[in-house]
Protein backbone atom coordinates (compact mmCIF):
# COMPACT_ATOMS: atom_id res chain seq x y z
CA MET A 1 -19.16 29.90 18.91
CA LYS A 2 -22.25 28.16 17.17
CA GLN A 3 -21.06 30.28 14.02
CA ALA A 4 -17.34 29.39 14.25
CA LEU A 5 -18.28 25.43 14.43
CA ALA A 6 -21.01 26.00 11.43
CA PHE A 7 -18.53 27.71 9.39
CA TRP A 8 -15.81 25.02 10.09
CA LEU A 9 -18.32 22.25 9.16
CA GLY A 10 -19.63 23.86 6.26
CA ILE A 11 -15.92 23.98 5.12
CA VAL A 12 -15.26 20.16 5.69
CA GLY A 13 -18.63 19.61 3.99
CA MET A 14 -17.31 21.68 0.86
CA LEU A 15 -14.11 19.37 1.04
CA MET A 16 -15.61 16.33 1.18
CA GLY A 17 -18.12 17.33 -1.59
CA SER A 18 -14.94 18.09 -3.93
CA ALA A 19 -13.32 14.86 -2.81
CA VAL A 20 -16.70 13.02 -3.58
CA TRP A 21 -16.85 14.65 -6.91
CA ALA A 22 -12.92 13.92 -7.64
CA ALA A 23 -13.78 10.49 -7.12
CA SER A 24 -17.16 10.31 -9.23
CA ASN A 25 -15.06 11.31 -12.37
CA ALA A 26 -12.28 8.96 -11.73
CA PRO A 27 -12.31 6.17 -14.30
CA THR A 28 -13.79 2.79 -13.42
CA TYR A 29 -13.88 -0.61 -14.67
CA ARG A 30 -16.90 -2.86 -14.08
CA VAL A 31 -15.35 -6.41 -13.35
CA ASN A 32 -17.18 -9.20 -15.60
CA PRO A 33 -17.34 -12.90 -14.71
CA GLY A 34 -13.83 -14.33 -15.67
CA ASP A 35 -12.05 -11.01 -15.73
CA THR A 36 -8.40 -11.24 -14.01
CA LEU A 37 -6.51 -8.24 -12.74
CA ASP A 38 -4.28 -8.71 -15.26
CA LYS A 39 -6.77 -8.42 -17.93
CA VAL A 40 -8.23 -5.49 -16.14
CA ILE A 41 -4.83 -3.90 -16.36
CA ARG A 42 -4.50 -4.52 -19.97
CA GLN A 43 -7.39 -3.18 -20.78
CA THR A 44 -7.17 0.18 -18.64
CA MET A 45 -3.51 0.66 -18.55
CA THR A 46 -2.60 -0.53 -22.39
CA ASP A 47 0.54 1.75 -22.62
CA SER A 48 1.69 1.66 -19.44
CA PRO A 49 5.44 1.79 -18.68
CA LEU A 50 5.43 0.12 -15.40
CA LYS A 51 5.85 -3.02 -14.20
CA VAL A 52 2.60 -5.25 -14.13
CA GLU A 53 3.33 -6.00 -10.43
CA LEU A 54 3.33 -2.59 -9.20
CA LEU A 55 0.01 -1.69 -11.24
CA ARG A 56 -1.67 -4.89 -9.10
CA LYS A 57 -0.61 -3.66 -6.06
CA ALA A 58 -2.07 -0.17 -7.12
CA TYR A 59 -5.60 -1.67 -8.03
CA ILE A 60 -5.40 -3.99 -5.02
CA GLN A 61 -4.54 -0.95 -2.70
CA GLN A 62 -7.18 1.44 -4.21
CA ASN A 63 -10.15 -1.52 -4.18
CA PRO A 64 -9.35 -3.75 -1.48
CA GLN A 65 -13.41 -4.54 -1.08
CA ALA A 66 -13.03 -6.14 -4.59
CA PHE A 67 -10.79 -9.04 -4.01
CA VAL A 68 -11.39 -12.29 -2.12
CA LYS A 69 -8.55 -12.47 0.40
CA THR A 70 -6.90 -15.48 -0.83
CA SER A 71 -3.26 -15.87 -2.13
CA PRO A 72 -3.55 -14.78 -5.27
CA PRO A 73 -6.17 -12.34 -4.36
CA ILE A 74 -9.44 -12.92 -6.73
CA LEU A 75 -11.51 -10.51 -8.18
CA ARG A 76 -15.05 -10.11 -7.73
CA ALA A 77 -17.50 -10.30 -10.53
CA GLY A 78 -19.78 -7.25 -10.65
CA VAL A 79 -17.42 -5.03 -8.27
CA VAL A 80 -16.88 -1.63 -9.68
CA LEU A 81 -13.07 -0.97 -9.65
CA ALA A 82 -11.65 2.52 -9.18
CA VAL A 83 -8.94 2.87 -12.01
CA PRO A 84 -5.65 3.99 -10.23
CA ASN A 85 -4.61 7.40 -11.39
CA HIS A 86 -1.93 6.49 -13.96
CA ASP A 87 -0.10 9.94 -13.83
CA ASP A 88 0.17 9.73 -10.15
CA LEU A 89 1.85 6.27 -10.47
CA LEU A 90 4.29 7.37 -13.06
CA ARG A 91 5.21 10.37 -10.66
CA GLN A 92 5.41 7.88 -7.74
CA TYR A 93 7.41 5.13 -9.34
CA LEU A 94 9.52 6.89 -11.86
CA ARG A 95 10.90 10.06 -9.99
CA PRO A 96 14.36 10.98 -9.94
CA ARG A 97 16.45 9.58 -6.88
CA ASP A 98 17.80 12.06 -4.51
CA GLY A 99 21.30 13.22 -5.26
CA VAL A 100 21.54 11.54 -8.74
CA THR A 101 21.50 14.46 -11.61
CA SER A 102 20.48 13.69 -15.33
CA ASP A 103 23.20 15.62 -16.81
CA PRO A 104 25.22 13.41 -19.01
CA ASN A 105 28.57 15.45 -18.49
CA ASP A 106 28.64 15.28 -14.93
CA ARG A 107 31.22 12.57 -13.86
CA ARG A 108 31.18 12.86 -10.24
CA ASN A 109 29.15 9.39 -9.97
CA TRP A 110 31.58 7.66 -12.56
CA VAL A 111 33.28 4.85 -11.35
CA ARG A 112 37.54 5.77 -11.36
CA TYR A 113 39.81 2.77 -12.46
CA PRO A 114 43.36 3.30 -11.83
């Protein structure tokens, strides 16, 4: 019983260690006094096709400790932000809708007029 528990704790420790290692390799940004979230987005995700509102939401969700809870949220100077993974955001927001095909010859979804 103790060996099984030690085995599972070892696996959990390895998984947690790999998650910490993966998080430590993620890009970061140190907030300077006077930085705004839009400035951080412009500097870290310059060529993103996503709307700025979506990128703001991703930063706030990933770094809640970095913001003063006001409306609009204000960045705390000196905080290190974890930059959201842009590829994951693209997959999340630009995935094809269910049932919609990308074949230009598929006429099932065309509007028909009499």
